[in-house]
């Protein structure tokens, strides 16, 4: 007699795509945000939020045409958000839930999570983005956290 597990076969291996170094740096740093940086990122998120939502849609369109880029974007998106949520908990804030309202949720650290997500994803392949779009997505993070990198291809 066989069991359901026998005829379903083995579970497929899940692997995280390799991300460009600049995106990895944002993700790594997102997990180490201080309470002051979280508050400053939340404030920075308010300025230009509508333009960044449009820029996010343009980024998604640019990266989702190729499977590898789409997988990188999804991984960077999830990892950046998770790291900011961990930093929020370390700062005695509620974890930031990543759900269908992520674009507009006003809770503390949600703006920081959005900006980390935008920056990490924009740095996957900035050469595929209009320079203004890349700037809109990366600059608020860079200005608060102080990290420098080029959004231009080398």
N, C-alpha and C. Protein backbone atom coordinates (compact mmCIF):
# COMPACT_ATOMS: atom_id res chain seq x y z
N UNK A 1 0.84 -1.17 0.00
CA UNK A 1 0.00 0.00 0.00
C UNK A 1 0.89 1.25 0.00
N UNK A 2 0.57 2.19 -0.81
CA UNK A 2 1.35 3.43 -0.87
C UNK A 2 0.65 4.53 -0.11
N UNK A 3 1.43 5.46 0.32
CA UNK A 3 0.87 6.63 0.99
C UNK A 3 0.86 7.78 0.01
N UNK A 4 0.13 8.81 0.38
CA UNK A 4 0.06 9.99 -0.47
C UNK A 4 1.46 10.55 -0.75
N UNK A 5 2.32 10.56 0.26
CA UNK A 5 3.68 11.08 0.09
C UNK A 5 4.45 10.29 -0.94
N UNK A 6 4.18 8.98 -1.03
CA UNK A 6 4.89 8.15 -2.00
C UNK A 6 4.57 8.52 -3.44
N UNK A 7 3.32 8.84 -3.73
CA UNK A 7 2.97 9.11 -5.11
C UNK A 7 3.09 10.57 -5.50
N UNK A 8 3.24 11.46 -4.53
CA UNK A 8 3.44 12.88 -4.87
C UNK A 8 4.87 13.15 -5.31
N UNK A 9 5.80 12.37 -4.86
CA UNK A 9 7.20 12.59 -5.19
C UNK A 9 7.85 13.53 -4.20
N UNK A 10 9.13 13.74 -4.34
CA UNK A 10 9.85 14.60 -3.39
C UNK A 10 9.47 16.07 -3.57
N UNK A 11 9.56 16.81 -2.49
CA UNK A 11 9.29 18.25 -2.56
C UNK A 11 10.39 18.91 -3.38
N UNK A 12 10.03 19.85 -4.24
CA UNK A 12 11.06 20.53 -5.03
C UNK A 12 11.95 21.38 -4.12
N UNK A 13 13.21 21.44 -4.46
CA UNK A 13 14.15 22.25 -3.68
C UNK A 13 13.86 23.73 -3.95
N UNK A 14 13.88 24.52 -2.91
CA UNK A 14 13.65 25.95 -3.04
C UNK A 14 14.99 26.64 -2.84
N UNK A 15 15.38 27.42 -3.80
CA UNK A 15 16.65 28.13 -3.68
C UNK A 15 16.41 29.62 -3.82
N UNK A 16 17.24 30.37 -3.14
CA UNK A 16 17.17 31.81 -3.22
C UNK A 16 18.10 32.26 -4.34
N UNK A 17 17.63 33.06 -5.26
CA UNK A 17 18.50 33.51 -6.34
C UNK A 17 19.64 34.37 -5.82
N UNK A 18 20.73 34.35 -6.53
CA UNK A 18 21.88 35.19 -6.18
C UNK A 18 21.52 36.63 -6.53
N UNK A 19 21.73 37.51 -5.58
CA UNK A 19 21.42 38.92 -5.79
C UNK A 19 22.71 39.71 -6.02
N UNK A 20 22.61 40.81 -6.77
CA UNK A 20 23.77 41.68 -6.92
C UNK A 20 24.23 42.20 -5.55
N UNK A 21 25.51 42.49 -5.45
CA UNK A 21 26.08 42.92 -4.18
C UNK A 21 25.37 44.15 -3.61
N UNK A 22 25.05 45.12 -4.43
CA UNK A 22 24.40 46.34 -3.94
C UNK A 22 23.07 46.02 -3.27
N UNK A 23 22.29 45.12 -3.85
CA UNK A 23 21.01 44.72 -3.24
C UNK A 23 21.26 43.98 -1.93
N UNK A 24 22.25 43.12 -1.90
CA UNK A 24 22.61 42.38 -0.68
C UNK A 24 23.02 43.35 0.43
N UNK A 25 23.74 44.39 0.08
CA UNK A 25 24.18 45.38 1.07
C UNK A 25 22.97 46.07 1.69
N UNK A 26 22.01 46.46 0.87
CA UNK A 26 20.80 47.10 1.39
C UNK A 26 20.07 46.14 2.34
N UNK A 27 19.91 44.91 1.93
CA UNK A 27 19.20 43.92 2.73
C UNK A 27 19.91 43.70 4.05
N UNK A 28 21.21 43.53 4.00
CA UNK A 28 22.00 43.32 5.22
C UNK A 28 21.86 44.52 6.16
N UNK A 29 21.98 45.71 5.61
CA UNK A 29 21.90 46.93 6.43
C UNK A 29 20.50 47.14 6.99
N UNK A 30 19.48 46.70 6.26
CA UNK A 30 18.09 46.86 6.71
C UNK A 30 17.84 46.14 8.03
N UNK A 31 18.52 45.05 8.25
CA UNK A 31 18.36 44.31 9.49
C UNK A 31 19.06 44.94 10.67
N UNK A 32 19.84 45.98 10.41
CA UNK A 32 20.62 46.62 11.47
C UNK A 32 20.25 48.09 11.66
N UNK A 33 19.06 48.45 11.22
CA UNK A 33 18.62 49.83 11.38
C UNK A 33 18.44 50.17 12.86
N UNK A 34 18.82 51.38 13.20
CA UNK A 34 18.62 51.86 14.56
C UNK A 34 17.21 52.44 14.68
N UNK A 35 16.71 52.62 15.89
CA UNK A 35 15.39 53.26 16.04
C UNK A 35 15.34 54.64 15.38
N UNK A 36 16.42 55.41 15.49
CA UNK A 36 16.46 56.73 14.86
C UNK A 36 16.39 56.61 13.35
N UNK A 37 17.12 55.67 12.77
CA UNK A 37 17.08 55.49 11.31
C UNK A 37 15.70 55.05 10.86
N UNK A 38 15.05 54.18 11.62
CA UNK A 38 13.70 53.74 11.27
C UNK A 38 12.77 54.95 11.24
N UNK A 39 12.84 55.79 12.26
CA UNK A 39 11.98 56.98 12.31
C UNK A 39 12.28 57.92 11.14
N UNK A 40 13.56 58.12 10.83
CA UNK A 40 13.92 59.00 9.72
C UNK A 40 13.48 58.42 8.38
N UNK A 41 13.61 57.12 8.21
CA UNK A 41 13.14 56.48 6.97
C UNK A 41 11.63 56.58 6.85
N UNK A 42 10.92 56.41 7.96
CA UNK A 42 9.46 56.56 7.93
C UNK A 42 9.07 57.96 7.46
N UNK A 43 9.77 58.97 7.96
CA UNK A 43 9.48 60.35 7.54
C UNK A 43 9.85 60.55 6.07
N UNK A 44 10.99 60.02 5.66
CA UNK A 44 11.43 60.16 4.27
C UNK A 44 10.46 59.47 3.30
N UNK A 45 9.84 58.42 3.77
CA UNK A 45 8.88 57.69 2.92
C UNK A 45 7.67 58.54 2.57
N UNK A 46 7.31 59.45 3.44
CA UNK A 46 6.12 60.28 3.19
C UNK A 46 6.33 61.24 2.03
N UNK A 47 7.54 61.76 1.88
CA UNK A 47 7.83 62.70 0.79
C UNK A 47 8.02 61.92 -0.51
N UNK A 48 7.19 62.17 -1.46
CA UNK A 48 7.33 61.51 -2.76
C UNK A 48 6.76 60.11 -2.82
N UNK A 49 5.91 59.74 -1.88
CA UNK A 49 5.38 58.38 -1.83
C UNK A 49 4.61 58.02 -3.10
N UNK A 50 3.81 58.94 -3.59
CA UNK A 50 3.02 58.64 -4.80
C UNK A 50 3.91 58.40 -6.01
N UNK A 51 4.94 59.21 -6.16
CA UNK A 51 5.86 59.04 -7.29
C UNK A 51 6.60 57.70 -7.17
N UNK A 52 6.96 57.31 -5.94
CA UNK A 52 7.64 56.03 -5.75
C UNK A 52 6.73 54.85 -6.07
N UNK A 53 5.45 54.98 -5.82
CA UNK A 53 4.53 53.89 -6.18
C UNK A 53 4.51 53.69 -7.69
N UNK A 54 4.51 54.78 -8.43
CA UNK A 54 4.57 54.67 -9.89
C UNK A 54 5.92 54.10 -10.32
N UNK A 55 6.99 54.58 -9.70
CA UNK A 55 8.33 54.07 -10.01
C UNK A 55 8.42 52.57 -9.71
N UNK A 56 7.79 52.13 -8.62
CA UNK A 56 7.78 50.70 -8.27
C UNK A 56 7.11 49.89 -9.38
N UNK A 57 6.01 50.39 -9.89
CA UNK A 57 5.33 49.67 -10.98
C UNK A 57 6.21 49.60 -12.22
N UNK A 58 6.92 50.68 -12.50
CA UNK A 58 7.84 50.68 -13.65
C UNK A 58 8.99 49.70 -13.42
N UNK A 59 9.50 49.65 -12.20
CA UNK A 59 10.57 48.71 -11.87
C UNK A 59 10.07 47.28 -12.05
N UNK A 60 8.90 47.00 -11.52
CA UNK A 60 8.33 45.65 -11.62
C UNK A 60 8.17 45.26 -13.09
N UNK A 61 7.67 46.16 -13.90
CA UNK A 61 7.52 45.87 -15.33
C UNK A 61 8.86 45.60 -15.99
N UNK A 62 9.89 46.37 -15.61
CA UNK A 62 11.22 46.22 -16.21
C UNK A 62 11.87 44.90 -15.81
N UNK A 63 11.68 44.47 -14.57
CA UNK A 63 12.37 43.28 -14.09
C UNK A 63 11.60 41.98 -14.30
N UNK A 64 10.31 42.06 -14.48
CA UNK A 64 9.52 40.84 -14.54
C UNK A 64 9.46 40.19 -15.92
N UNK A 65 10.10 40.80 -16.91
CA UNK A 65 10.09 40.22 -18.25
C UNK A 65 10.99 39.01 -18.37
N UNK A 66 11.97 38.90 -17.51
CA UNK A 66 12.93 37.80 -17.54
C UNK A 66 12.81 37.03 -16.23
N UNK A 67 12.70 35.72 -16.30
CA UNK A 67 12.45 34.90 -15.10
C UNK A 67 13.49 35.14 -14.00
N UNK A 68 14.77 35.15 -14.36
CA UNK A 68 15.82 35.33 -13.35
C UNK A 68 15.67 36.68 -12.63
N UNK A 69 15.43 37.73 -13.38
CA UNK A 69 15.26 39.07 -12.77
C UNK A 69 14.02 39.10 -11.88
N UNK A 70 12.96 38.47 -12.33
CA UNK A 70 11.73 38.43 -11.52
C UNK A 70 12.00 37.70 -10.20
N UNK A 71 12.68 36.58 -10.27
CA UNK A 71 12.99 35.84 -9.05
C UNK A 71 13.90 36.64 -8.12
N UNK A 72 14.85 37.36 -8.70
CA UNK A 72 15.72 38.22 -7.89
C UNK A 72 14.89 39.32 -7.22
N UNK A 73 13.99 39.93 -7.98
CA UNK A 73 13.15 40.99 -7.41
C UNK A 73 12.30 40.47 -6.27
N UNK A 74 11.69 39.33 -6.47
CA UNK A 74 10.84 38.77 -5.42
C UNK A 74 11.66 38.42 -4.18
N UNK A 75 12.84 37.88 -4.37
CA UNK A 75 13.70 37.54 -3.23
C UNK A 75 14.15 38.81 -2.50
N UNK A 76 14.60 39.81 -3.25
CA UNK A 76 15.05 41.06 -2.64
C UNK A 76 13.89 41.74 -1.92
N UNK A 77 12.74 41.74 -2.54
CA UNK A 77 11.54 42.34 -1.95
C UNK A 77 11.24 41.72 -0.59
N UNK A 78 11.19 40.40 -0.54
CA UNK A 78 10.84 39.71 0.70
C UNK A 78 11.93 39.83 1.75
N UNK A 79 13.18 39.68 1.34
CA UNK A 79 14.29 39.75 2.30
C UNK A 79 14.43 41.14 2.91
N UNK A 80 14.31 42.17 2.10
CA UNK A 80 14.43 43.54 2.62
C UNK A 80 13.34 43.82 3.65
N UNK A 81 12.13 43.44 3.33
CA UNK A 81 11.01 43.67 4.25
C UNK A 81 11.23 42.92 5.55
N UNK A 82 11.62 41.65 5.44
CA UNK A 82 11.84 40.82 6.63
C UNK A 82 12.93 41.41 7.52
N UNK A 83 13.99 41.90 6.92
CA UNK A 83 15.09 42.46 7.71
C UNK A 83 14.67 43.72 8.45
N UNK A 84 13.90 44.59 7.80
CA UNK A 84 13.41 45.79 8.49
C UNK A 84 12.47 45.38 9.62
N UNK A 85 11.65 44.39 9.40
CA UNK A 85 10.75 43.93 10.45
C UNK A 85 11.53 43.43 11.65
N UNK A 86 12.64 42.73 11.41
CA UNK A 86 13.50 42.27 12.51
C UNK A 86 14.13 43.46 13.24
N UNK A 87 14.55 44.45 12.49
CA UNK A 87 15.12 45.66 13.11
C UNK A 87 14.06 46.38 13.93
N UNK A 88 12.82 46.41 13.44
CA UNK A 88 11.72 47.05 14.16
C UNK A 88 11.49 46.34 15.49
N UNK A 89 11.47 45.03 15.48
CA UNK A 89 11.27 44.27 16.72
C UNK A 89 12.43 44.55 17.69
N UNK A 90 13.65 44.61 17.17
CA UNK A 90 14.80 44.92 18.03
C UNK A 90 14.68 46.33 18.62
N UNK A 91 13.96 47.22 17.93
CA UNK A 91 13.75 48.59 18.42
C UNK A 91 12.47 48.70 19.25
N UNK A 92 11.92 47.54 19.65
CA UNK A 92 10.70 47.48 20.48
C UNK A 92 9.46 48.01 19.75
N UNK A 93 9.44 47.85 18.44
CA UNK A 93 8.27 48.19 17.63
C UNK A 93 7.59 46.89 17.20
N UNK A 94 6.36 47.00 16.77
CA UNK A 94 5.65 45.83 16.25
C UNK A 94 6.31 45.39 14.93
N UNK A 95 6.34 44.08 14.67
CA UNK A 95 6.84 43.65 13.36
C UNK A 95 5.94 44.21 12.26
N UNK A 96 6.53 44.49 11.12
CA UNK A 96 5.78 45.06 10.00
C UNK A 96 5.27 43.92 9.14
N UNK A 97 3.96 43.81 9.05
CA UNK A 97 3.35 42.73 8.28
C UNK A 97 3.44 43.05 6.79
N UNK A 98 3.89 42.09 6.03
CA UNK A 98 4.01 42.23 4.58
C UNK A 98 2.78 41.59 3.95
N UNK A 99 1.78 42.42 3.69
CA UNK A 99 0.55 41.90 3.12
C UNK A 99 0.10 42.77 1.96
N UNK A 100 -1.13 42.65 1.56
CA UNK A 100 -1.65 43.40 0.42
C UNK A 100 -1.69 44.90 0.62
N UNK A 101 -1.52 45.36 1.86
CA UNK A 101 -1.55 46.79 2.15
C UNK A 101 -0.16 47.37 2.35
N UNK A 102 0.88 46.64 1.98
CA UNK A 102 2.25 47.08 2.25
C UNK A 102 2.54 48.46 1.67
N UNK A 103 1.91 48.82 0.57
CA UNK A 103 2.19 50.11 -0.06
C UNK A 103 1.68 51.30 0.74
N UNK A 104 0.71 51.08 1.61
CA UNK A 104 0.08 52.21 2.29
C UNK A 104 0.00 52.08 3.80
N UNK A 105 0.37 50.95 4.36
CA UNK A 105 0.24 50.77 5.81
C UNK A 105 1.06 51.86 6.53
N UNK A 106 0.44 52.53 7.51
CA UNK A 106 1.13 53.66 8.16
C UNK A 106 1.86 53.31 9.45
N UNK A 107 1.90 52.06 9.86
CA UNK A 107 2.49 51.72 11.16
C UNK A 107 3.97 52.07 11.21
N UNK A 108 4.50 52.30 12.41
CA UNK A 108 5.93 52.59 12.55
C UNK A 108 6.78 51.48 11.91
N UNK A 109 7.78 51.88 11.18
CA UNK A 109 8.74 51.04 10.46
C UNK A 109 8.25 50.59 9.09
N UNK A 110 6.98 50.82 8.76
CA UNK A 110 6.49 50.43 7.43
C UNK A 110 7.15 51.27 6.34
N UNK A 111 7.35 52.55 6.60
CA UNK A 111 8.04 53.39 5.62
C UNK A 111 9.48 52.94 5.41
N UNK A 112 10.14 52.56 6.49
CA UNK A 112 11.51 52.05 6.39
C UNK A 112 11.52 50.76 5.57
N UNK A 113 10.53 49.89 5.79
CA UNK A 113 10.46 48.64 5.04
C UNK A 113 10.21 48.90 3.55
N UNK A 114 9.34 49.86 3.25
CA UNK A 114 9.09 50.20 1.85
C UNK A 114 10.37 50.70 1.19
N UNK A 115 11.06 51.63 1.86
CA UNK A 115 12.27 52.21 1.25
C UNK A 115 13.37 51.18 1.09
N UNK A 116 13.50 50.25 2.03
CA UNK A 116 14.49 49.17 1.88
C UNK A 116 14.12 48.28 0.70
N UNK A 117 12.84 47.98 0.59
CA UNK A 117 12.35 47.14 -0.51
C UNK A 117 12.62 47.83 -1.85
N UNK A 118 12.26 49.09 -1.95
CA UNK A 118 12.47 49.82 -3.20
C UNK A 118 13.94 49.85 -3.59
N UNK A 119 14.80 50.19 -2.63
CA UNK A 119 16.23 50.31 -2.94
C UNK A 119 16.82 48.96 -3.33
N UNK A 120 16.54 47.92 -2.56
CA UNK A 120 17.11 46.60 -2.87
C UNK A 120 16.68 46.13 -4.25
N UNK A 121 15.42 46.31 -4.57
CA UNK A 121 14.93 45.86 -5.87
C UNK A 121 15.47 46.71 -7.02
N UNK A 122 15.57 48.02 -6.81
CA UNK A 122 16.10 48.90 -7.86
C UNK A 122 17.55 48.59 -8.17
N UNK A 123 18.29 48.09 -7.16
CA UNK A 123 19.71 47.81 -7.36
C UNK A 123 19.98 46.43 -7.95
N UNK A 124 18.94 45.70 -8.28
CA UNK A 124 19.12 44.41 -8.96
C UNK A 124 19.66 44.64 -10.37
N UNK A 125 19.05 45.55 -11.07
CA UNK A 125 19.48 45.84 -12.45
C UNK A 125 19.13 47.28 -12.79
N UNK A 126 19.84 48.23 -12.16
CA UNK A 126 19.49 49.64 -12.40
C UNK A 126 19.64 50.06 -13.86
N UNK A 127 20.44 49.32 -14.61
CA UNK A 127 20.62 49.67 -16.02
C UNK A 127 19.34 49.43 -16.83
N UNK A 128 18.40 48.67 -16.29
CA UNK A 128 17.13 48.43 -16.96
C UNK A 128 16.09 49.50 -16.65
N UNK A 129 16.44 50.39 -15.74
CA UNK A 129 15.50 51.43 -15.31
C UNK A 129 15.90 52.78 -15.87
N UNK A 130 14.92 53.62 -16.08
CA UNK A 130 15.19 55.02 -16.38
C UNK A 130 15.95 55.58 -15.17
N UNK A 131 17.00 56.38 -15.37
CA UNK A 131 17.77 56.91 -14.24
C UNK A 131 16.91 57.64 -13.21
N UNK A 132 15.87 58.33 -13.66
CA UNK A 132 15.00 59.04 -12.72
C UNK A 132 14.21 58.06 -11.84
N UNK A 133 13.79 56.96 -12.43
CA UNK A 133 13.07 55.93 -11.67
C UNK A 133 14.00 55.32 -10.64
N UNK A 134 15.21 54.96 -11.05
CA UNK A 134 16.19 54.40 -10.11
C UNK A 134 16.47 55.38 -8.97
N UNK A 135 16.62 56.64 -9.31
CA UNK A 135 16.88 57.66 -8.30
C UNK A 135 15.72 57.77 -7.30
N UNK A 136 14.49 57.80 -7.79
CA UNK A 136 13.32 57.87 -6.91
C UNK A 136 13.28 56.71 -5.92
N UNK A 137 13.69 55.54 -6.37
CA UNK A 137 13.60 54.36 -5.53
C UNK A 137 14.77 54.20 -4.56
N UNK A 138 15.93 54.70 -4.93
CA UNK A 138 17.13 54.49 -4.12
C UNK A 138 17.48 55.68 -3.22
N UNK A 139 17.25 56.88 -3.69
CA UNK A 139 17.73 58.08 -2.99
C UNK A 139 17.22 58.23 -1.55
N UNK A 140 15.95 58.00 -1.26
CA UNK A 140 15.53 58.17 0.15
C UNK A 140 16.29 57.24 1.10
N UNK A 141 16.51 56.01 0.70
CA UNK A 141 17.28 55.07 1.52
C UNK A 141 18.72 55.57 1.68
N UNK A 142 19.34 55.93 0.55
CA UNK A 142 20.73 56.38 0.58
C UNK A 142 20.89 57.63 1.44
N UNK A 143 19.95 58.54 1.35
CA UNK A 143 20.10 59.80 2.07
C UNK A 143 19.99 59.61 3.58
N UNK A 144 19.21 58.66 4.03
CA UNK A 144 19.07 58.42 5.47
C UNK A 144 20.16 57.50 5.99
N UNK A 145 20.40 56.42 5.29
CA UNK A 145 21.35 55.42 5.77
C UNK A 145 22.79 55.81 5.44
N UNK A 146 22.97 56.63 4.40
CA UNK A 146 24.30 57.13 4.07
C UNK A 146 25.13 56.22 3.20
N UNK A 147 24.52 55.22 2.62
CA UNK A 147 25.25 54.31 1.75
C UNK A 147 25.42 54.95 0.38
N UNK A 148 26.51 54.64 -0.26
CA UNK A 148 26.73 55.17 -1.60
C UNK A 148 26.98 54.02 -2.57
N UNK A 149 26.47 54.15 -3.75
CA UNK A 149 26.68 53.24 -4.85
C UNK A 149 26.18 53.93 -6.09
N UNK A 150 26.48 53.36 -7.19
CA UNK A 150 26.04 53.95 -8.45
C UNK A 150 24.81 53.19 -8.95
N UNK A 151 23.84 53.91 -9.46
CA UNK A 151 22.72 53.26 -10.12
C UNK A 151 22.97 53.23 -11.63
N UNK A 152 24.13 53.63 -12.03
CA UNK A 152 24.52 53.57 -13.44
C UNK A 152 25.34 52.30 -13.67
N UNK A 153 25.16 51.64 -14.80
CA UNK A 153 25.98 50.46 -15.08
C UNK A 153 27.45 50.85 -15.20
N UNK A 154 28.32 49.97 -14.74
CA UNK A 154 29.77 50.28 -14.82
C UNK A 154 30.40 49.75 -16.08
